[in-house]
Amino acid sequence: MNTLGWVRVVLAGIALTAVTASPVPAARSASIEIKEFNFAPKVLTVERGTTVTWINHDEEPHTITSTKGAFGSTGLSNDESFSQTFTEAGRYEYFCALHPHMKAVVIVK
């Protein structure tokens, strides 16, 4: 095969790869607001791979504490945030360790 033939083979391979390559899934994100001693929403359903960010809008500090120890934050002051990426499907219940009546759940499909 001559040089022109090899160039055609390489270009055909590149074109085939471009057509058949799977697109990279976009990064997913979601947020939960902490306001007036509540998590909103109280139940959040997301896909695996989603990064959830909690933002404290209260003047009082709050934590994000998994009931099963899967994740946890330090105390978040006003306008501070905490993020967690969920890679496994499941039900993740959490609460504020400083105000245990504050409870919510993230459901990962």
C-alpha atoms as a PDB file:
ATOM      1  CA  MET A   1       0.000   0.000   0.000  1.00  0.00           C
ATOM      2  CA  ASN A   2       1.383   3.410  -0.901  1.00  0.00           C
ATOM      3  CA  THR A   3       1.471   6.483   1.346  1.00  0.00           C
ATOM      4  CA  LEU A   4      -1.814   7.841  -0.015  1.00  0.00           C
ATOM      5  CA  GLY A   5      -3.472   4.508   0.777  1.00  0.00           C
ATOM      6  CA  TRP A   6      -2.270   4.614   4.391  1.00  0.00           C
ATOM      7  CA  VAL A   7      -3.477   8.182   4.780  1.00  0.00           C
ATOM      8  CA  ARG A   8      -6.928   7.113   3.592  1.00  0.00           C
ATOM      9  CA  VAL A   9      -6.986   4.177   6.054  1.00  0.00           C
ATOM     10  CA  VAL A  10      -5.987   6.430   8.969  1.00  0.00           C
ATOM     11  CA  LEU A  11      -8.554   9.088   8.049  1.00  0.00           C
ATOM     12  CA  ALA A  12     -11.280   6.456   7.706  1.00  0.00           C
ATOM     13  CA  GLY A  13     -10.380   5.125  11.165  1.00  0.00           C
ATOM     14  CA  ILE A  14     -10.561   8.603  12.673  1.00  0.00           C
ATOM     15  CA  ALA A  15     -13.932   9.247  11.039  1.00  0.00           C
ATOM     16  CA  LEU A  16     -15.308   5.887  12.239  1.00  0.00           C
ATOM     17  CA  THR A  17     -14.102   6.580  15.777  1.00  0.00           C
ATOM     18  CA  ALA A  18     -15.770  10.002  15.771  1.00  0.00           C
ATOM     19  CA  VAL A  19     -19.070   8.496  14.611  1.00  0.00           C
ATOM     20  CA  THR A  20     -19.140   5.539  17.021  1.00  0.00           C
ATOM     21  CA  ALA A  21     -17.586   7.080  20.130  1.00  0.00           C
ATOM     22  CA  SER A  22     -19.944   7.357  23.082  1.00  0.00           C
ATOM     23  CA  PRO A  23     -20.459  10.882  24.319  1.00  0.00           C
ATOM     24  CA  VAL A  24     -19.086  11.645  27.762  1.00  0.00           C
ATOM     25  CA  PRO A  25     -22.012  12.191  30.116  1.00  0.00           C
ATOM     26  CA  ALA A  26     -22.291  15.710  31.412  1.00  0.00           C
ATOM     27  CA  ALA A  27     -21.472  16.231  35.057  1.00  0.00           C
ATOM     28  CA  ARG A  28     -24.650  16.391  37.083  1.00  0.00           C
ATOM     29  CA  SER A  29     -25.236  18.672  40.015  1.00  0.00           C
ATOM     30  CA  ALA A  30     -28.040  19.516  42.401  1.00  0.00           C
ATOM     31  CA  SER A  31     -28.381  21.771  45.406  1.00  0.00           C
ATOM     32  CA  ILE A  32     -30.156  21.734  48.738  1.00  0.00           C
ATOM     33  CA  GLU A  33     -30.773  24.938  50.640  1.00  0.00           C
ATOM     34  CA  ILE A  34     -30.671  25.199  54.402  1.00  0.00           C
ATOM     35  CA  LYS A  35     -33.058  27.919  55.484  1.00  0.00           C
ATOM     36  CA  GLU A  36     -35.149  28.521  58.591  1.00  0.00           C
ATOM     37  CA  PHE A  37     -33.821  25.289  60.149  1.00  0.00           C
ATOM     38  CA  ASN A  38     -35.007  23.136  57.223  1.00  0.00           C
ATOM     39  CA  PHE A  39     -33.419  21.317  54.304  1.00  0.00           C
ATOM     40  CA  ALA A  40     -35.134  22.132  51.014  1.00  0.00           C
ATOM     41  CA  PRO A  41     -36.030  19.933  49.356  1.00  0.00           C
ATOM     42  CA  LYS A  42     -36.517  17.366  52.108  1.00  0.00           C
ATOM     43  CA  VAL A  43     -36.335  14.554  49.535  1.00  0.00           C
ATOM     44  CA  LEU A  44     -34.015  14.893  46.542  1.00  0.00           C
ATOM     45  CA  THR A  45     -33.812  12.200  43.854  1.00  0.00           C
ATOM     46  CA  VAL A  46     -30.706  12.193  41.639  1.00  0.00           C
ATOM     47  CA  GLU A  47     -28.835   9.922  39.226  1.00  0.00           C
ATOM     48  CA  ARG A  48     -25.584   8.183  40.174  1.00  0.00           C
ATOM     49  CA  GLY A  49     -22.605  10.484  39.684  1.00  0.00           C
ATOM     50  CA  THR A  50     -24.477  13.601  40.784  1.00  0.00           C
ATOM     51  CA  THR A  51     -22.732  16.077  43.062  1.00  0.00           C
ATOM     52  CA  VAL A  52     -25.105  17.529  45.631  1.00  0.00           C
ATOM     53  CA  THR A  53     -24.212  20.842  47.268  1.00  0.00           C
ATOM     54  CA  TRP A  54     -25.820  22.037  50.488  1.00  0.00           C
ATOM     55  CA  ILE A  55     -25.781  25.801  51.136  1.00  0.00           C
ATOM     56  CA  ASN A  56     -26.492  27.243  54.578  1.00  0.00           C
ATOM     57  CA  HIS A  57     -28.627  30.381  54.389  1.00  0.00           C
ATOM     58  CA  ASP A  58     -29.265  30.528  58.137  1.00  0.00           C
ATOM     59  CA  GLU A  59     -27.309  32.663  60.571  1.00  0.00           C
ATOM     60  CA  GLU A  60     -26.857  29.576  62.780  1.00  0.00           C
ATOM     61  CA  PRO A  61     -24.314  26.874  61.854  1.00  0.00           C
ATOM     62  CA  HIS A  62     -25.548  23.500  60.552  1.00  0.00           C
ATOM     63  CA  THR A  63     -23.967  20.174  59.621  1.00  0.00           C
ATOM     64  CA  ILE A  64     -24.743  17.617  56.958  1.00  0.00           C
ATOM     65  CA  THR A  65     -24.440  14.272  58.753  1.00  0.00           C
ATOM     66  CA  SER A  66     -25.260  10.903  57.185  1.00  0.00           C
ATOM     67  CA  THR A  67     -27.219   8.629  59.520  1.00  0.00           C
ATOM     68  CA  LYS A  68     -24.987   5.708  58.399  1.00  0.00           C
ATOM     69  CA  GLY A  69     -21.659   7.564  58.309  1.00  0.00           C
ATOM     70  CA  ALA A  70     -21.455   7.691  54.502  1.00  0.00           C
ATOM     71  CA  PHE A  71     -20.615  11.420  54.505  1.00  0.00           C
ATOM     72  CA  GLY A  72     -20.520  14.408  56.809  1.00  0.00           C
ATOM     73  CA  SER A  73     -19.572  18.032  57.024  1.00  0.00           C
ATOM     74  CA  THR A  74     -18.163  20.264  59.683  1.00  0.00           C
ATOM     75  CA  GLY A  75     -20.381  23.078  60.935  1.00  0.00           C
ATOM     76  CA  LEU A  76     -21.325  25.338  58.042  1.00  0.00           C
ATOM     77  CA  SER A  77     -21.646  29.040  58.807  1.00  0.00           C
ATOM     78  CA  ASN A  78     -23.902  31.414  56.887  1.00  0.00           C
ATOM     79  CA  ASP A  79     -23.414  31.078  53.093  1.00  0.00           C
ATOM     80  CA  GLU A  80     -20.918  28.224  53.450  1.00  0.00           C
ATOM     81  CA  SER A  81     -21.463  25.025  51.485  1.00  0.00           C
ATOM     82  CA  PHE A  82     -20.653  21.323  51.502  1.00  0.00           C
ATOM     83  CA  SER A  83     -20.645  19.004  48.464  1.00  0.00           C
ATOM     84  CA  GLN A  84     -20.921  15.235  48.132  1.00  0.00           C
ATOM     85  CA  THR A  85     -20.775  13.168  44.936  1.00  0.00           C
ATOM     86  CA  PHE A  86     -23.052  10.123  45.015  1.00  0.00           C
ATOM     87  CA  THR A  87     -21.592   7.206  43.042  1.00  0.00           C
ATOM     88  CA  GLU A  88     -23.708   4.363  44.439  1.00  0.00           C
ATOM     89  CA  ALA A  89     -27.468   3.912  44.162  1.00  0.00           C
ATOM     90  CA  GLY A  90     -29.344   3.976  47.443  1.00  0.00           C
ATOM     91  CA  ARG A  91     -31.215   5.974  50.038  1.00  0.00           C
ATOM     92  CA  TYR A  92     -29.039   8.396  52.009  1.00  0.00           C
ATOM     93  CA  GLU A  93     -30.723   9.808  55.098  1.00  0.00           C
ATOM     94  CA  TYR A  94     -29.017  12.711  56.821  1.00  0.00           C
ATOM     95  CA  PHE A  95     -29.582  15.294  59.556  1.00  0.00           C
ATOM     96  CA  CYS A  96     -27.984  18.299  61.238  1.00  0.00           C
ATOM     97  CA  ALA A  97     -25.933  17.117  64.228  1.00  0.00           C
ATOM     98  CA  LEU A  98     -26.423  20.508  65.896  1.00  0.00           C
ATOM     99  CA  HIS A  99     -30.210  20.478  65.367  1.00  0.00           C
ATOM    100  CA  PRO A 100     -31.251  16.790  65.169  1.00  0.00           C
ATOM    101  CA  HIS A 101     -34.859  17.616  64.274  1.00  0.00           C
ATOM    102  CA  MET A 102     -33.577  18.729  60.846  1.00  0.00           C
ATOM    103  CA  LYS A 103     -33.801  15.586  58.691  1.00  0.00           C
ATOM    104  CA  ALA A 104     -33.893  14.846  54.967  1.00  0.00           C
ATOM    105  CA  VAL A 105     -32.919  12.247  52.376  1.00  0.00           C
ATOM    106  CA  VAL A 106     -31.102  11.942  49.052  1.00  0.00           C
ATOM    107  CA  ILE A 107     -32.270   9.067  46.833  1.00  0.00           C
ATOM    108  CA  VAL A 108     -29.756   7.961  44.208  1.00  0.00           C
ATOM    109  CA  LYS A 109     -31.027   5.932  41.225  1.00  0.00           C
END
